[in-house]
């Protein structure tokens, strides 16, 4: 049985350490029914610190993702 809660994969466009994730984020569908990729514009790896409002918006949008499935 897979998770019914949505999974949000969040990466930064300019973060070389997550470059592979962009192509493989759908691998999470093995564990969850609904998987979305959120790519934030810039400012490196630590998006919670460098772009807190954008990172928070991804989390806050999770209930909307669940309602739409």
C-alpha atoms as a PDB file:
ATOM      1  CA  UNK A   1       0.000   0.000   0.000  1.00  0.00           C
ATOM      2  CA  UNK A   2       1.332   3.431  -0.963  1.00  0.00           C
ATOM      3  CA  UNK A   3       1.024   6.663   1.018  1.00  0.00           C
ATOM      4  CA  UNK A   4      -2.111   8.632   0.221  1.00  0.00           C
ATOM      5  CA  UNK A   5      -0.532  11.874   1.452  1.00  0.00           C
ATOM      6  CA  UNK A   6       1.118  13.967  -1.258  1.00  0.00           C
ATOM      7  CA  UNK A   7       4.906  14.024  -1.425  1.00  0.00           C
ATOM      8  CA  UNK A   8       6.591  17.267  -2.440  1.00  0.00           C
ATOM      9  CA  UNK A   9      10.120  16.969  -3.775  1.00  0.00           C
ATOM     10  CA  UNK A  10      11.729  20.407  -3.444  1.00  0.00           C
ATOM     11  CA  UNK A  11      14.975  21.264  -5.232  1.00  0.00           C
ATOM     12  CA  UNK A  12      16.842  24.416  -6.169  1.00  0.00           C
ATOM     13  CA  UNK A  13      17.500  25.196  -9.826  1.00  0.00           C
ATOM     14  CA  UNK A  14      21.108  26.157  -9.088  1.00  0.00           C
ATOM     15  CA  UNK A  15      21.958  23.345  -6.637  1.00  0.00           C
ATOM     16  CA  UNK A  16      24.313  20.847  -8.293  1.00  0.00           C
ATOM     17  CA  UNK A  17      23.828  18.376  -5.438  1.00  0.00           C
ATOM     18  CA  UNK A  18      20.169  17.864  -6.425  1.00  0.00           C
ATOM     19  CA  UNK A  19      20.572  17.850 -10.215  1.00  0.00           C
ATOM     20  CA  UNK A  20      19.893  14.103 -10.406  1.00  0.00           C
ATOM     21  CA  UNK A  21      16.722  14.437  -8.321  1.00  0.00           C
ATOM     22  CA  UNK A  22      15.020  16.478 -11.031  1.00  0.00           C
ATOM     23  CA  UNK A  23      15.086  13.485 -13.331  1.00  0.00           C
ATOM     24  CA  UNK A  24      14.284  10.889 -10.698  1.00  0.00           C
ATOM     25  CA  UNK A  25      11.652  12.513  -8.477  1.00  0.00           C
ATOM     26  CA  UNK A  26       8.971  10.176  -9.845  1.00  0.00           C
ATOM     27  CA  UNK A  27      10.787   7.274  -8.151  1.00  0.00           C
ATOM     28  CA  UNK A  28       8.821   8.344  -5.056  1.00  0.00           C
ATOM     29  CA  UNK A  29       5.693   7.001  -6.773  1.00  0.00           C
ATOM     30  CA  UNK A  30       6.790   3.587  -5.586  1.00  0.00           C
ATOM     31  CA  UNK A  31       5.868   4.800  -2.085  1.00  0.00           C
ATOM     32  CA  UNK A  32       3.279   7.537  -2.610  1.00  0.00           C
ATOM     33  CA  UNK A  33       0.269   7.994  -4.873  1.00  0.00           C
ATOM     34  CA  UNK A  34       0.824  11.694  -5.562  1.00  0.00           C
ATOM     35  CA  UNK A  35       4.314  13.138  -6.142  1.00  0.00           C
ATOM     36  CA  UNK A  36       5.097  16.678  -7.279  1.00  0.00           C
ATOM     37  CA  UNK A  37       8.411  18.297  -8.111  1.00  0.00           C
ATOM     38  CA  UNK A  38       8.877  21.884  -6.946  1.00  0.00           C
ATOM     39  CA  UNK A  39      11.926  23.614  -8.361  1.00  0.00           C
ATOM     40  CA  UNK A  40      12.760  26.902  -6.646  1.00  0.00           C
ATOM     41  CA  UNK A  41      14.631  29.497  -8.662  1.00  0.00           C
ATOM     42  CA  UNK A  42      18.002  30.059  -7.016  1.00  0.00           C
ATOM     43  CA  UNK A  43      20.098  30.618  -3.902  1.00  0.00           C
ATOM     44  CA  UNK A  44      21.592  27.199  -3.423  1.00  0.00           C
ATOM     45  CA  UNK A  45      20.986  24.175  -1.277  1.00  0.00           C
ATOM     46  CA  UNK A  46      19.452  25.499   1.968  1.00  0.00           C
ATOM     47  CA  UNK A  47      16.104  26.854   0.740  1.00  0.00           C
ATOM     48  CA  UNK A  48      14.554  26.962   4.205  1.00  0.00           C
ATOM     49  CA  UNK A  49      17.185  29.509   5.220  1.00  0.00           C
ATOM     50  CA  UNK A  50      17.687  31.391   1.938  1.00  0.00           C
ATOM     51  CA  UNK A  51      14.084  31.414   0.640  1.00  0.00           C
ATOM     52  CA  UNK A  52      11.863  30.690   3.656  1.00  0.00           C
ATOM     53  CA  UNK A  53       8.659  32.111   2.144  1.00  0.00           C
ATOM     54  CA  UNK A  54       8.958  29.964  -0.991  1.00  0.00           C
ATOM     55  CA  UNK A  55       9.809  26.837   0.988  1.00  0.00           C
ATOM     56  CA  UNK A  56       6.867  27.457   3.315  1.00  0.00           C
ATOM     57  CA  UNK A  57       4.521  27.904   0.355  1.00  0.00           C
ATOM     58  CA  UNK A  58       5.356  24.395  -0.871  1.00  0.00           C
ATOM     59  CA  UNK A  59       4.430  22.960   2.533  1.00  0.00           C
ATOM     60  CA  UNK A  60       1.293  25.069   2.813  1.00  0.00           C
ATOM     61  CA  UNK A  61       0.091  23.938  -0.620  1.00  0.00           C
ATOM     62  CA  UNK A  62       0.114  20.251   0.413  1.00  0.00           C
ATOM     63  CA  UNK A  63      -3.547  20.215   1.561  1.00  0.00           C
ATOM     64  CA  UNK A  64      -4.554  21.595  -1.857  1.00  0.00           C
ATOM     65  CA  UNK A  65      -2.634  18.823  -3.573  1.00  0.00           C
ATOM     66  CA  UNK A  66      -4.415  16.182  -1.495  1.00  0.00           C
ATOM     67  CA  UNK A  67      -7.833  17.720  -2.183  1.00  0.00           C
ATOM     68  CA  UNK A  68      -7.216  17.639  -5.934  1.00  0.00           C
ATOM     69  CA  UNK A  69      -6.446  13.913  -6.027  1.00  0.00           C
END
